[in-house]
Amino acid sequence: MSGKPVCGVESLHAEIKNVVCGVENLQAKMKDKHVCGTESLHAEIKNVVCGVESLGAKLNERSR
């Protein structure tokens, strides 16, 4: 983001991406075993990532 920096947004996005990667790894390991809730957890985290990306885009527009 250029212009006015918004503290924490970039690091928050990076942390959430790490969580998504962790969930994807968990899903891969548990693919043969049916673990209830993993798919819905993954979907919820993807929604959070999309929300953070959207927030970043909006903040970027405002800083111009």
N, C-alpha and C. Protein backbone atom coordinates (compact mmCIF):
# COMPACT_ATOMS: atom_id res chain seq x y z
N MET A 1 0.84 -1.18 0.00
CA MET A 1 0.00 0.00 0.00
C MET A 1 0.88 1.23 0.00
N SER A 2 0.56 2.13 -0.90
CA SER A 2 1.34 3.35 -0.95
C SER A 2 0.59 4.45 -0.21
N GLY A 3 1.27 5.58 -0.03
CA GLY A 3 0.61 6.67 0.68
C GLY A 3 0.70 6.47 2.17
N LYS A 4 -0.41 6.71 2.85
CA LYS A 4 -0.44 6.57 4.30
C LYS A 4 -0.40 5.09 4.68
N PRO A 5 0.60 4.69 5.47
CA PRO A 5 0.65 3.29 5.87
C PRO A 5 -0.42 2.99 6.92
N VAL A 6 -1.03 1.83 6.80
CA VAL A 6 -1.99 1.39 7.79
C VAL A 6 -1.31 0.28 8.58
N CYS A 7 -0.92 0.60 9.79
CA CYS A 7 -0.14 -0.33 10.59
C CYS A 7 -0.87 -1.65 10.80
N GLY A 8 -0.18 -2.72 10.56
CA GLY A 8 -0.70 -4.04 10.87
C GLY A 8 -1.43 -4.74 9.74
N VAL A 9 -1.91 -4.03 8.73
CA VAL A 9 -2.70 -4.70 7.69
C VAL A 9 -1.84 -5.69 6.91
N GLU A 10 -0.64 -5.28 6.53
CA GLU A 10 0.22 -6.18 5.76
C GLU A 10 0.62 -7.40 6.60
N SER A 11 0.98 -7.17 7.87
CA SER A 11 1.38 -8.30 8.70
C SER A 11 0.19 -9.19 9.02
N LEU A 12 -0.99 -8.60 9.19
CA LEU A 12 -2.20 -9.40 9.42
C LEU A 12 -2.48 -10.28 8.21
N HIS A 13 -2.36 -9.71 7.03
CA HIS A 13 -2.59 -10.48 5.80
C HIS A 13 -1.59 -11.64 5.73
N ALA A 14 -0.33 -11.37 6.03
CA ALA A 14 0.68 -12.42 5.99
C ALA A 14 0.37 -13.54 6.98
N GLU A 15 -0.06 -13.17 8.18
CA GLU A 15 -0.40 -14.17 9.19
C GLU A 15 -1.58 -15.03 8.73
N ILE A 16 -2.60 -14.39 8.15
CA ILE A 16 -3.77 -15.14 7.69
C ILE A 16 -3.38 -16.08 6.55
N LYS A 17 -2.51 -15.62 5.65
CA LYS A 17 -2.04 -16.49 4.57
C LYS A 17 -1.32 -17.71 5.15
N ASN A 18 -0.53 -17.50 6.23
CA ASN A 18 0.14 -18.63 6.87
C ASN A 18 -0.87 -19.62 7.44
N VAL A 19 -1.95 -19.10 8.02
CA VAL A 19 -2.99 -19.97 8.56
C VAL A 19 -3.64 -20.77 7.43
N VAL A 20 -3.92 -20.11 6.31
CA VAL A 20 -4.51 -20.80 5.16
C VAL A 20 -3.60 -21.92 4.70
N CYS A 21 -2.31 -21.65 4.61
CA CYS A 21 -1.35 -22.69 4.19
C CYS A 21 -1.37 -23.85 5.18
N GLY A 22 -1.46 -23.54 6.46
CA GLY A 22 -1.52 -24.59 7.48
C GLY A 22 -2.76 -25.44 7.33
N VAL A 23 -3.89 -24.81 7.04
CA VAL A 23 -5.14 -25.56 6.86
C VAL A 23 -5.05 -26.43 5.61
N GLU A 24 -4.47 -25.88 4.54
CA GLU A 24 -4.31 -26.67 3.31
C GLU A 24 -3.42 -27.89 3.57
N ASN A 25 -2.35 -27.70 4.34
CA ASN A 25 -1.47 -28.82 4.68
C ASN A 25 -2.21 -29.86 5.52
N LEU A 26 -3.02 -29.38 6.47
CA LEU A 26 -3.81 -30.29 7.30
C LEU A 26 -4.78 -31.08 6.45
N GLN A 27 -5.44 -30.40 5.51
CA GLN A 27 -6.39 -31.09 4.63
C GLN A 27 -5.68 -32.16 3.81
N ALA A 28 -4.49 -31.85 3.32
CA ALA A 28 -3.74 -32.82 2.52
C ALA A 28 -3.39 -34.05 3.36
N LYS A 29 -2.98 -33.84 4.61
CA LYS A 29 -2.62 -34.96 5.48
C LYS A 29 -3.84 -35.79 5.85
N MET A 30 -4.98 -35.12 6.01
CA MET A 30 -6.18 -35.81 6.47
C MET A 30 -7.08 -36.26 5.32
N LYS A 31 -6.60 -36.15 4.09
CA LYS A 31 -7.43 -36.45 2.92
C LYS A 31 -8.03 -37.86 2.99
N ASP A 32 -7.25 -38.82 3.44
CA ASP A 32 -7.73 -40.20 3.51
C ASP A 32 -8.62 -40.44 4.72
N LYS A 33 -8.45 -39.61 5.75
CA LYS A 33 -9.27 -39.74 6.95
C LYS A 33 -10.32 -38.63 6.90
N HIS A 34 -11.56 -38.96 7.14
CA HIS A 34 -12.62 -37.95 7.09
C HIS A 34 -12.66 -37.20 8.40
N VAL A 35 -12.17 -35.97 8.39
CA VAL A 35 -12.14 -35.13 9.58
C VAL A 35 -13.21 -34.07 9.42
N CYS A 36 -14.25 -34.18 10.20
CA CYS A 36 -15.37 -33.24 10.10
C CYS A 36 -14.93 -31.83 10.46
N GLY A 37 -15.37 -30.88 9.68
CA GLY A 37 -15.12 -29.48 9.99
C GLY A 37 -13.92 -28.87 9.31
N THR A 38 -13.01 -29.68 8.80
CA THR A 38 -11.81 -29.12 8.17
C THR A 38 -12.16 -28.30 6.94
N GLU A 39 -13.07 -28.81 6.12
CA GLU A 39 -13.45 -28.09 4.90
C GLU A 39 -14.12 -26.76 5.24
N SER A 40 -15.01 -26.77 6.23
CA SER A 40 -15.69 -25.52 6.58
C SER A 40 -14.72 -24.54 7.22
N LEU A 41 -13.76 -25.04 8.00
CA LEU A 41 -12.75 -24.16 8.58
C LEU A 41 -11.94 -23.50 7.48
N HIS A 42 -11.57 -24.30 6.48
CA HIS A 42 -10.80 -23.76 5.36
C HIS A 42 -11.60 -22.67 4.64
N ALA A 43 -12.88 -22.91 4.42
CA ALA A 43 -13.73 -21.92 3.75
C ALA A 43 -13.82 -20.63 4.56
N GLU A 44 -13.95 -20.75 5.87
CA GLU A 44 -14.02 -19.56 6.72
C GLU A 44 -12.73 -18.75 6.64
N ILE A 45 -11.60 -19.43 6.66
CA ILE A 45 -10.31 -18.73 6.60
C ILE A 45 -10.14 -18.06 5.24
N LYS A 46 -10.57 -18.73 4.17
CA LYS A 46 -10.50 -18.11 2.84
C LYS A 46 -11.34 -16.84 2.80
N ASN A 47 -12.51 -16.86 3.46
CA ASN A 47 -13.35 -15.66 3.53
C ASN A 47 -12.63 -14.53 4.26
N VAL A 48 -11.92 -14.87 5.32
CA VAL A 48 -11.16 -13.85 6.06
C VAL A 48 -10.08 -13.26 5.17
N VAL A 49 -9.37 -14.11 4.43
CA VAL A 49 -8.32 -13.62 3.53
C VAL A 49 -8.91 -12.68 2.49
N CYS A 50 -10.05 -13.07 1.91
CA CYS A 50 -10.70 -12.20 0.91
C CYS A 50 -11.09 -10.87 1.54
N GLY A 51 -11.57 -10.91 2.76
CA GLY A 51 -11.94 -9.67 3.45
C GLY A 51 -10.74 -8.78 3.69
N VAL A 52 -9.62 -9.37 4.07
CA VAL A 52 -8.41 -8.58 4.30
C VAL A 52 -7.90 -7.99 2.99
N GLU A 53 -7.94 -8.78 1.91
CA GLU A 53 -7.51 -8.27 0.61
C GLU A 53 -8.41 -7.12 0.16
N SER A 54 -9.70 -7.25 0.39
CA SER A 54 -10.64 -6.20 0.04
C SER A 54 -10.38 -4.94 0.86
N LEU A 55 -10.14 -5.14 2.15
CA LEU A 55 -9.81 -4.01 3.03
C LEU A 55 -8.54 -3.32 2.56
N GLY A 56 -7.53 -4.10 2.21
CA GLY A 56 -6.28 -3.53 1.72
C GLY A 56 -6.49 -2.72 0.46
N ALA A 57 -7.31 -3.22 -0.45
CA ALA A 57 -7.59 -2.48 -1.69
C ALA A 57 -8.32 -1.17 -1.39
N LYS A 58 -9.29 -1.21 -0.48
CA LYS A 58 -10.03 0.00 -0.13
C LYS A 58 -9.11 1.03 0.53
N LEU A 59 -8.25 0.56 1.42
CA LEU A 59 -7.34 1.48 2.10
C LEU A 59 -6.33 2.06 1.12
N ASN A 60 -5.92 1.26 0.15
CA ASN A 60 -5.00 1.72 -0.87
C ASN A 60 -5.64 2.82 -1.70
N GLU A 61 -6.91 2.64 -2.06
CA GLU A 61 -7.64 3.66 -2.83
C GLU A 61 -7.76 4.96 -2.04
N ARG A 62 -8.05 4.85 -0.76
CA ARG A 62 -8.22 6.05 0.07
C ARG A 62 -6.92 6.82 0.25
N SER A 63 -5.78 6.11 0.20
CA SER A 63 -4.51 6.78 0.45
C SER A 63 -3.99 7.52 -0.77
N ARG A 64 -4.65 7.35 -1.91
CA ARG A 64 -4.19 8.02 -3.14
C ARG A 64 -4.60 9.45 -3.17
